[in-house]
C-alpha atoms as a PDB file:
ATOM      1  CA  UNK A   1      97.252-126.988  54.737  1.00  0.00           C
ATOM      2  CA  UNK A   2      97.097-126.265  51.010  1.00  0.00           C
ATOM      3  CA  UNK A   3      93.232-126.165  51.194  1.00  0.00           C
ATOM      4  CA  UNK A   4      93.412-123.740  54.135  1.00  0.00           C
ATOM      5  CA  UNK A   5      95.721-121.330  52.186  1.00  0.00           C
ATOM      6  CA  UNK A   6      93.533-121.531  49.038  1.00  0.00           C
ATOM      7  CA  UNK A   7      90.418-120.674  51.168  1.00  0.00           C
ATOM      8  CA  UNK A   8      92.323-117.855  52.753  1.00  0.00           C
ATOM      9  CA  UNK A   9      93.137-116.409  49.437  1.00  0.00           C
ATOM     10  CA  UNK A  10      89.690-116.744  48.185  1.00  0.00           C
ATOM     11  CA  UNK A  11      88.397-114.936  51.280  1.00  0.00           C
ATOM     12  CA  UNK A  12      90.927-112.121  50.714  1.00  0.00           C
ATOM     13  CA  UNK A  13      89.811-111.746  47.080  1.00  0.00           C
ATOM     14  CA  UNK A  14      86.246-111.537  48.137  1.00  0.00           C
ATOM     15  CA  UNK A  15      87.002-108.774  50.784  1.00  0.00           C
ATOM     16  CA  UNK A  16      88.935-106.844  48.159  1.00  0.00           C
ATOM     17  CA  UNK A  17      86.158-107.117  45.620  1.00  0.00           C
ATOM     18  CA  UNK A  18      83.681-106.127  48.308  1.00  0.00           C
ATOM     19  CA  UNK A  19      85.897-103.080  49.176  1.00  0.00           C
ATOM     20  CA  UNK A  20      86.130-102.074  45.602  1.00  0.00           C
ATOM     21  CA  UNK A  21      82.355-102.292  45.112  1.00  0.00           C
ATOM     22  CA  UNK A  22      81.837-100.371  48.416  1.00  0.00           C
ATOM     23  CA  UNK A  23      84.200 -97.604  47.189  1.00  0.00           C
ATOM     24  CA  UNK A  24      82.476 -97.463  43.854  1.00  0.00           C
ATOM     25  CA  UNK A  25      79.028 -97.329  45.443  1.00  0.00           C
ATOM     26  CA  UNK A  26      80.118 -94.524  47.853  1.00  0.00           C
ATOM     27  CA  UNK A  27      81.578 -92.592  44.944  1.00  0.00           C
ATOM     28  CA  UNK A  28      78.226 -92.621  43.248  1.00  0.00           C
ATOM     29  CA  UNK A  29      76.401 -91.613  46.381  1.00  0.00           C
ATOM     30  CA  UNK A  30      78.717 -88.742  46.955  1.00  0.00           C
ATOM     31  CA  UNK A  31      77.992 -87.273  43.529  1.00  0.00           C
ATOM     32  CA  UNK A  32      75.333 -84.572  44.427  1.00  0.00           C
ATOM     33  CA  UNK A  33      73.810 -81.808  42.541  1.00  0.00           C
ATOM     34  CA  UNK A  34      72.415 -78.934  44.588  1.00  0.00           C
ATOM     35  CA  UNK A  35      69.037 -78.205  43.119  1.00  0.00           C
ATOM     36  CA  UNK A  36      68.045 -74.564  43.007  1.00  0.00           C
ATOM     37  CA  UNK A  37      65.088 -73.348  44.949  1.00  0.00           C
ATOM     38  CA  UNK A  38      63.683 -69.990  45.967  1.00  0.00           C
ATOM     39  CA  UNK A  39      61.703 -68.821  48.882  1.00  0.00           C
ATOM     40  CA  UNK A  40      60.085 -65.720  50.457  1.00  0.00           C
ATOM     41  CA  UNK A  41      62.725 -64.184  52.617  1.00  0.00           C
ATOM     42  CA  UNK A  42      60.751 -63.524  55.890  1.00  0.00           C
ATOM     43  CA  UNK A  43      63.970 -62.386  57.695  1.00  0.00           C
ATOM     44  CA  UNK A  44      63.549 -59.165  55.771  1.00  0.00           C
ATOM     45  CA  UNK A  45      59.832 -58.693  56.567  1.00  0.00           C
ATOM     46  CA  UNK A  46      58.637 -56.932  59.663  1.00  0.00           C
ATOM     47  CA  UNK A  47      55.273 -58.885  59.580  1.00  0.00           C
ATOM     48  CA  UNK A  48      56.610 -62.355  58.865  1.00  0.00           C
ATOM     49  CA  UNK A  49      53.483 -64.180  57.630  1.00  0.00           C
ATOM     50  CA  UNK A  50      51.095 -61.427  56.492  1.00  0.00           C
ATOM     51  CA  UNK A  51      50.638 -57.706  56.036  1.00  0.00           C
ATOM     52  CA  UNK A  52      47.614 -55.476  56.096  1.00  0.00           C
ATOM     53  CA  UNK A  53      47.382 -52.759  53.395  1.00  0.00           C
ATOM     54  CA  UNK A  54      44.637 -50.112  53.641  1.00  0.00           C
ATOM     55  CA  UNK A  55      44.027 -47.532  50.967  1.00  0.00           C
ATOM     56  CA  UNK A  56      42.066 -45.690  53.689  1.00  0.00           C
ATOM     57  CA  UNK A  57      45.385 -44.630  55.240  1.00  0.00           C
ATOM     58  CA  UNK A  58      46.578 -43.185  51.898  1.00  0.00           C
ATOM     59  CA  UNK A  59      45.665 -40.106  49.829  1.00  0.00           C
ATOM     60  CA  UNK A  60      42.014 -40.174  48.417  1.00  0.00           C
ATOM     61  CA  UNK A  61      43.505 -39.857  44.985  1.00  0.00           C
ATOM     62  CA  UNK A  62      45.824 -42.906  45.257  1.00  0.00           C
ATOM     63  CA  UNK A  63      44.445 -45.632  43.068  1.00  0.00           C
ATOM     64  CA  UNK A  64      47.425 -47.951  42.669  1.00  0.00           C
ATOM     65  CA  UNK A  65      50.323 -48.939  44.869  1.00  0.00           C
ATOM     66  CA  UNK A  66      53.122 -51.489  44.856  1.00  0.00           C
ATOM     67  CA  UNK A  67      53.941 -54.010  47.714  1.00  0.00           C
ATOM     68  CA  UNK A  68      57.376 -55.621  47.523  1.00  0.00           C
ATOM     69  CA  UNK A  69      58.123 -59.198  48.728  1.00  0.00           C
ATOM     70  CA  UNK A  70      61.774 -60.057  49.313  1.00  0.00           C
ATOM     71  CA  UNK A  71      62.800 -63.436  47.845  1.00  0.00           C
ATOM     72  CA  UNK A  72      66.096 -65.374  48.157  1.00  0.00           C
ATOM     73  CA  UNK A  73      67.510 -68.336  46.285  1.00  0.00           C
ATOM     74  CA  UNK A  74      68.981 -71.549  47.663  1.00  0.00           C
ATOM     75  CA  UNK A  75      71.614 -73.503  45.679  1.00  0.00           C
ATOM     76  CA  UNK A  76      74.150 -72.255  43.304  1.00  0.00           C
ATOM     77  CA  UNK A  77      74.181 -68.842  41.443  1.00  0.00           C
ATOM     78  CA  UNK A  78      73.310 -68.695  37.919  1.00  0.00           C
ATOM     79  CA  UNK A  79      74.928 -66.842  35.077  1.00  0.00           C
ATOM     80  CA  UNK A  80      71.519 -65.904  33.601  1.00  0.00           C
ATOM     81  CA  UNK A  81      68.412 -64.164  34.888  1.00  0.00           C
ATOM     82  CA  UNK A  82      65.789 -66.360  36.357  1.00  0.00           C
ATOM     83  CA  UNK A  83      62.022 -65.649  36.657  1.00  0.00           C
ATOM     84  CA  UNK A  84      60.507 -65.765  40.293  1.00  0.00           C
ATOM     85  CA  UNK A  85      57.722 -68.277  40.182  1.00  0.00           C
ATOM     86  CA  UNK A  86      55.443 -66.421  42.524  1.00  0.00           C
ATOM     87  CA  UNK A  87      51.583 -67.134  42.326  1.00  0.00           C
ATOM     88  CA  UNK A  88      48.539 -66.593  44.240  1.00  0.00           C
ATOM     89  CA  UNK A  89      46.885 -69.665  45.767  1.00  0.00           C
ATOM     90  CA  UNK A  90      43.397 -69.663  44.416  1.00  0.00           C
ATOM     91  CA  UNK A  91      41.921 -71.593  47.351  1.00  0.00           C
ATOM     92  CA  UNK A  92      43.243 -69.075  49.796  1.00  0.00           C
ATOM     93  CA  UNK A  93      42.664 -65.904  47.724  1.00  0.00           C
ATOM     94  CA  UNK A  94      39.337 -63.964  47.415  1.00  0.00           C
ATOM     95  CA  UNK A  95      40.805 -60.913  45.437  1.00  0.00           C
ATOM     96  CA  UNK A  96      40.541 -61.041  41.729  1.00  0.00           C
ATOM     97  CA  UNK A  97      43.673 -60.964  39.620  1.00  0.00           C
ATOM     98  CA  UNK A  98      43.645 -57.933  37.214  1.00  0.00           C
ATOM     99  CA  UNK A  99      40.883 -56.175  39.230  1.00  0.00           C
ATOM    100  CA  UNK A 100      42.314 -56.002  42.651  1.00  0.00           C
ATOM    101  CA  UNK A 101      45.946 -56.943  42.162  1.00  0.00           C
ATOM    102  CA  UNK A 102      48.650 -57.981  39.632  1.00  0.00           C
ATOM    103  CA  UNK A 103      51.837 -59.976  40.346  1.00  0.00           C
ATOM    104  CA  UNK A 104      54.379 -58.117  38.151  1.00  0.00           C
ATOM    105  CA  UNK A 105      57.023 -60.212  36.433  1.00  0.00           C
ATOM    106  CA  UNK A 106      60.151 -60.288  38.563  1.00  0.00           C
ATOM    107  CA  UNK A 107      63.610 -61.809  37.960  1.00  0.00           C
ATOM    108  CA  UNK A 108      66.561 -62.893  40.095  1.00  0.00           C
ATOM    109  CA  UNK A 109      69.402 -61.328  38.100  1.00  0.00           C
ATOM    110  CA  UNK A 110      72.302 -63.227  37.009  1.00  0.00           C
ATOM    111  CA  UNK A 111      74.934 -64.017  39.847  1.00  0.00           C
ATOM    112  CA  UNK A 112      72.616 -62.622  42.525  1.00  0.00           C
ATOM    113  CA  UNK A 113      70.967 -64.237  45.488  1.00  0.00           C
ATOM    114  CA  UNK A 114      68.027 -61.990  46.200  1.00  0.00           C
ATOM    115  CA  UNK A 115      65.244 -59.963  44.460  1.00  0.00           C
ATOM    116  CA  UNK A 116      62.016 -58.126  45.270  1.00  0.00           C
ATOM    117  CA  UNK A 117      58.828 -59.450  43.782  1.00  0.00           C
ATOM    118  CA  UNK A 118      56.409 -56.602  43.045  1.00  0.00           C
ATOM    119  CA  UNK A 119      52.678 -56.919  43.737  1.00  0.00           C
ATOM    120  CA  UNK A 120      50.483 -54.115  42.225  1.00  0.00           C
ATOM    121  CA  UNK A 121      47.400 -53.475  44.326  1.00  0.00           C
ATOM    122  CA  UNK A 122      44.475 -51.499  43.027  1.00  0.00           C
ATOM    123  CA  UNK A 123      41.832 -49.496  44.858  1.00  0.00           C
ATOM    124  CA  UNK A 124      38.376 -50.677  44.093  1.00  0.00           C
ATOM    125  CA  UNK A 125      34.817 -49.746  45.555  1.00  0.00           C
ATOM    126  CA  UNK A 126      34.274 -53.152  47.238  1.00  0.00           C
ATOM    127  CA  UNK A 127      37.256 -52.668  49.504  1.00  0.00           C
ATOM    128  CA  UNK A 128      35.153 -49.993  51.366  1.00  0.00           C
ATOM    129  CA  UNK A 129      32.981 -52.909  52.890  1.00  0.00           C
ATOM    130  CA  UNK A 130      35.294 -55.967  52.957  1.00  0.00           C
ATOM    131  CA  UNK A 131      38.871 -57.093  53.327  1.00  0.00           C
ATOM    132  CA  UNK A 132      40.315 -58.952  50.366  1.00  0.00           C
ATOM    133  CA  UNK A 133      43.080 -61.611  50.608  1.00  0.00           C
ATOM    134  CA  UNK A 134      45.926 -62.328  48.382  1.00  0.00           C
ATOM    135  CA  UNK A 135      47.834 -65.443  49.411  1.00  0.00           C
ATOM    136  CA  UNK A 136      51.230 -65.692  47.722  1.00  0.00           C
ATOM    137  CA  UNK A 137      53.204 -68.862  47.227  1.00  0.00           C
ATOM    138  CA  UNK A 138      56.344 -69.942  45.441  1.00  0.00           C
ATOM    139  CA  UNK A 139      55.568 -72.664  42.822  1.00  0.00           C
ATOM    140  CA  UNK A 140      58.540 -74.595  41.694  1.00  0.00           C
ATOM    141  CA  UNK A 141      59.365 -74.433  38.044  1.00  0.00           C
ATOM    142  CA  UNK A 142      62.162 -75.466  35.606  1.00  0.00           C
ATOM    143  CA  UNK A 143      64.609 -72.870  36.877  1.00  0.00           C
ATOM    144  CA  UNK A 144      63.782 -73.481  40.577  1.00  0.00           C
ATOM    145  CA  UNK A 145      62.716 -77.090  40.867  1.00  0.00           C
ATOM    146  CA  UNK A 146      63.326 -77.466  44.487  1.00  0.00           C
ATOM    147  CA  UNK A 147      60.223 -76.981  46.660  1.00  0.00           C
ATOM    148  CA  UNK A 148      61.119 -75.431  50.117  1.00  0.00           C
ATOM    149  CA  UNK A 149      58.598 -76.185  52.824  1.00  0.00           C
ATOM    150  CA  UNK A 150      59.877 -74.166  55.616  1.00  0.00           C
ATOM    151  CA  UNK A 151      62.731 -71.837  56.418  1.00  0.00           C
ATOM    152  CA  UNK A 152      64.312 -70.970  59.752  1.00  0.00           C
ATOM    153  CA  UNK A 153      65.328 -67.668  61.310  1.00  0.00           C
ATOM    154  CA  UNK A 154      69.113 -66.753  61.576  1.00  0.00           C
ATOM    155  CA  UNK A 155      68.747 -66.120  65.210  1.00  0.00           C
ATOM    156  CA  UNK A 156      69.203 -69.063  67.593  1.00  0.00           C
ATOM    157  CA  UNK A 157      68.168 -70.089  71.133  1.00  0.00           C
ATOM    158  CA  UNK A 158      70.185 -72.718  72.872  1.00  0.00           C
ATOM    159  CA  UNK A 159      71.906 -73.427  69.611  1.00  0.00           C
ATOM    160  CA  UNK A 160      68.675 -74.019  67.677  1.00  0.00           C
ATOM    161  CA  UNK A 161      66.840 -71.647  65.375  1.00  0.00           C
ATOM    162  CA  UNK A 162      64.442 -69.598  67.402  1.00  0.00           C
ATOM    163  CA  UNK A 163      61.601 -69.594  64.769  1.00  0.00           C
ATOM    164  CA  UNK A 164      60.523 -71.427  61.781  1.00  0.00           C
ATOM    165  CA  UNK A 165      58.661 -69.635  58.856  1.00  0.00           C
ATOM    166  CA  UNK A 166      55.890 -71.207  56.799  1.00  0.00           C
ATOM    167  CA  UNK A 167      56.422 -70.657  52.984  1.00  0.00           C
ATOM    168  CA  UNK A 168      53.331 -68.574  52.049  1.00  0.00           C
ATOM    169  CA  UNK A 169      52.585 -64.869  52.557  1.00  0.00           C
ATOM    170  CA  UNK A 170      49.167 -63.166  52.952  1.00  0.00           C
ATOM    171  CA  UNK A 171      48.391 -59.637  51.821  1.00  0.00           C
ATOM    172  CA  UNK A 172      45.191 -58.251  53.442  1.00  0.00           C
ATOM    173  CA  UNK A 173      43.770 -55.515  51.160  1.00  0.00           C
ATOM    174  CA  UNK A 174      41.052 -53.073  52.046  1.00  0.00           C
ATOM    175  CA  UNK A 175      40.015 -49.478  51.918  1.00  0.00           C
ATOM    176  CA  UNK A 176      39.007 -49.406  55.560  1.00  0.00           C
ATOM    177  CA  UNK A 177      40.977 -48.264  58.639  1.00  0.00           C
ATOM    178  CA  UNK A 178      43.099 -51.240  59.918  1.00  0.00           C
ATOM    179  CA  UNK A 179      45.156 -51.733  62.911  1.00  0.00           C
ATOM    180  CA  UNK A 180      48.904 -51.506  61.946  1.00  0.00           C
ATOM    181  CA  UNK A 181      50.489 -54.919  62.392  1.00  0.00           C
ATOM    182  CA  UNK A 182      53.110 -53.463  64.918  1.00  0.00           C
ATOM    183  CA  UNK A 183      50.854 -51.215  66.963  1.00  0.00           C
ATOM    184  CA  UNK A 184      51.292 -53.571  70.089  1.00  0.00           C
ATOM    185  CA  UNK A 185      54.841 -54.613  69.329  1.00  0.00           C
ATOM    186  CA  UNK A 186      57.754 -54.269  71.709  1.00  0.00           C
ATOM    187  CA  UNK A 187      58.814 -50.725  71.968  1.00  0.00           C
ATOM    188  CA  UNK A 188      55.953 -49.440  69.873  1.00  0.00           C
ATOM    189  CA  UNK A 189      55.445 -45.692  69.826  1.00  0.00           C
ATOM    190  CA  UNK A 190      51.957 -46.283  68.548  1.00  0.00           C
ATOM    191  CA  UNK A 191      51.019 -47.623  71.847  1.00  0.00           C
ATOM    192  CA  UNK A 192      53.197 -45.228  73.944  1.00  0.00           C
ATOM    193  CA  UNK A 193      51.803 -42.034  72.474  1.00  0.00           C
ATOM    194  CA  UNK A 194      48.262 -43.111  71.480  1.00  0.00           C
ATOM    195  CA  UNK A 195      47.346 -46.020  73.846  1.00  0.00           C
ATOM    196  CA  UNK A 196      45.033 -48.855  73.022  1.00  0.00           C
ATOM    197  CA  UNK A 197      44.008 -49.252  69.356  1.00  0.00           C
ATOM    198  CA  UNK A 198      40.525 -48.678  67.911  1.00  0.00           C
ATOM    199  CA  UNK A 199      39.544 -47.892  64.292  1.00  0.00           C
ATOM    200  CA  UNK A 200      37.757 -44.642  65.263  1.00  0.00           C
ATOM    201  CA  UNK A 201      40.810 -43.446  67.292  1.00  0.00           C
ATOM    202  CA  UNK A 202      43.307 -44.274  64.410  1.00  0.00           C
ATOM    203  CA  UNK A 203      41.016 -42.501  61.844  1.00  0.00           C
ATOM    204  CA  UNK A 204      40.915 -39.529  64.237  1.00  0.00           C
ATOM    205  CA  UNK A 205      44.856 -39.437  64.451  1.00  0.00           C
ATOM    206  CA  UNK A 206      45.176 -39.687  60.682  1.00  0.00           C
ATOM    207  CA  UNK A 207      42.767 -36.868  60.154  1.00  0.00           C
ATOM    208  CA  UNK A 208      44.395 -34.701  62.784  1.00  0.00           C
ATOM    209  CA  UNK A 209      48.036 -35.321  61.940  1.00  0.00           C
ATOM    210  CA  UNK A 210      47.613 -35.686  58.200  1.00  0.00           C
ATOM    211  CA  UNK A 211      49.978 -38.644  58.394  1.00  0.00           C
ATOM    212  CA  UNK A 212      49.091 -41.902  56.532  1.00  0.00           C
ATOM    213  CA  UNK A 213      52.508 -43.740  56.585  1.00  0.00           C
ATOM    214  CA  UNK A 214      53.914 -44.619  60.019  1.00  0.00           C
ATOM    215  CA  UNK A 215      56.498 -47.255  59.561  1.00  0.00           C
ATOM    216  CA  UNK A 216      57.357 -50.214  61.807  1.00  0.00           C
ATOM    217  CA  UNK A 217      56.018 -49.456  65.346  1.00  0.00           C
ATOM    218  CA  UNK A 218      55.734 -45.777  64.243  1.00  0.00           C
ATOM    219  CA  UNK A 219      59.466 -45.802  65.217  1.00  0.00           C
ATOM    220  CA  UNK A 220      61.644 -47.814  62.875  1.00  0.00           C
ATOM    221  CA  UNK A 221      62.529 -47.193  59.210  1.00  0.00           C
ATOM    222  CA  UNK A 222      62.615 -44.365  56.735  1.00  0.00           C
ATOM    223  CA  UNK A 223      58.802 -44.048  56.783  1.00  0.00           C
ATOM    224  CA  UNK A 224      58.525 -43.658  60.547  1.00  0.00           C
ATOM    225  CA  UNK A 225      58.144 -40.175  62.290  1.00  0.00           C
ATOM    226  CA  UNK A 226      60.879 -38.852  64.570  1.00  0.00           C
ATOM    227  CA  UNK A 227      60.347 -38.657  68.356  1.00  0.00           C
ATOM    228  CA  UNK A 228      59.985 -34.808  67.857  1.00  0.00           C
ATOM    229  CA  UNK A 229      57.201 -35.232  65.287  1.00  0.00           C
ATOM    230  CA  UNK A 230      55.405 -37.651  67.552  1.00  0.00           C
ATOM    231  CA  UNK A 231      55.448 -35.173  70.367  1.00  0.00           C
ATOM    232  CA  UNK A 232      53.866 -32.692  68.033  1.00  0.00           C
ATOM    233  CA  UNK A 233      51.232 -35.301  66.865  1.00  0.00           C
ATOM    234  CA  UNK A 234      50.427 -36.118  70.457  1.00  0.00           C
ATOM    235  CA  UNK A 235      49.834 -32.489  71.378  1.00  0.00           C
ATOM    236  CA  UNK A 236      47.641 -32.057  68.282  1.00  0.00           C
ATOM    237  CA  UNK A 237      45.434 -35.149  69.003  1.00  0.00           C
ATOM    238  CA  UNK A 238      45.080 -34.290  72.702  1.00  0.00           C
ATOM    239  CA  UNK A 239      43.972 -30.654  71.766  1.00  0.00           C
ATOM    240  CA  UNK A 240      41.693 -31.894  68.963  1.00  0.00           C
ATOM    241  CA  UNK A 241      39.992 -34.425  71.199  1.00  0.00           C
ATOM    242  CA  UNK A 242      39.423 -31.791  73.840  1.00  0.00           C
ATOM    243  CA  UNK A 243      37.770 -29.419  71.244  1.00  0.00           C
ATOM    244  CA  UNK A 244      35.680 -32.319  69.992  1.00  0.00           C
ATOM    245  CA  UNK A 245      34.399 -33.241  73.381  1.00  0.00           C
ATOM    246  CA  UNK A 246      33.556 -29.586  74.139  1.00  0.00           C
ATOM    247  CA  UNK A 247      30.990 -29.673  71.281  1.00  0.00           C
ATOM    248  CA  UNK A 248      29.994 -33.353  70.989  1.00  0.00           C
ATOM    249  CA  UNK A 249      30.666 -35.023  74.310  1.00  0.00           C
ATOM    250  CA  UNK A 250      32.911 -38.033  74.575  1.00  0.00           C
ATOM    251  CA  UNK A 251      34.010 -39.727  71.360  1.00  0.00           C
ATOM    252  CA  UNK A 252      32.886 -43.372  71.255  1.00  0.00           C
ATOM    253  CA  UNK A 253      34.742 -45.912  69.233  1.00  0.00           C
ATOM    254  CA  UNK A 254      33.417 -48.977  67.358  1.00  0.00           C
ATOM    255  CA  UNK A 255      33.516 -51.170  70.520  1.00  0.00           C
ATOM    256  CA  UNK A 256      31.408 -48.696  72.591  1.00  0.00           C
ATOM    257  CA  UNK A 257      34.391 -47.404  74.631  1.00  0.00           C
ATOM    258  CA  UNK A 258      35.378 -43.812  74.916  1.00  0.00           C
ATOM    259  CA  UNK A 259      38.436 -42.608  72.906  1.00  0.00           C
ATOM    260  CA  UNK A 260      41.210 -41.402  75.280  1.00  0.00           C
ATOM    261  CA  UNK A 261      44.968 -40.903  75.049  1.00  0.00           C
ATOM    262  CA  UNK A 262      47.543 -41.805  77.643  1.00  0.00           C
ATOM    263  CA  UNK A 263      49.086 -39.139  79.867  1.00  0.00           C
ATOM    264  CA  UNK A 264      52.799 -38.669  79.055  1.00  0.00           C
END
């Protein structure tokens, strides 16, 4: 009987020791430091993964412009300013730093979550014949050591995020007429008033209206025209095309198709 009691006591002591060790171990595991990271905030971008910038849609005298890329931190706020570690991926970029673009120094200010990284783009003669690429990425540094692979949209479907965003962002830079990213987007006034896109048609629209900045879907944002303005633009391009065809015959676009506008 004495032996059994002694064995029972030993077992109890072993269990207690195991419990103490387990609690100590768990306590160590629960000590967690949230490493800070930063990512391109694609929720604030109309074109999530890339944007096309064309100097051909701007004034002929415009030689420099700035594109802003929203960024957002993860982790805790900081009481000091932190530099945004945004760089161009050399393997995916054919534009030349200093000649075609410059990533301007940007900081996330103390006790703030967001900032806008500024990319200075420059007009050069070679953009008349080719499209340049600037592929931007966040490169972790001492202030933002956490590498963030993907981010998810705030909107959900069946309880899950409806989209996942890749970390990089592409700027397509040229001095040629480019199709606006949102021409065919849902509710686009580009498509409603002007129909199918072609470079010849869009250049004609710009020349007739004098407008080079259209905003998202030619409908949303401070840069977009009003519906009344678009009605005026529509009348102008219809009239101008009629006058053109009286003298030159049908206007043919780069695909060999006749330029037309929808009947509204």
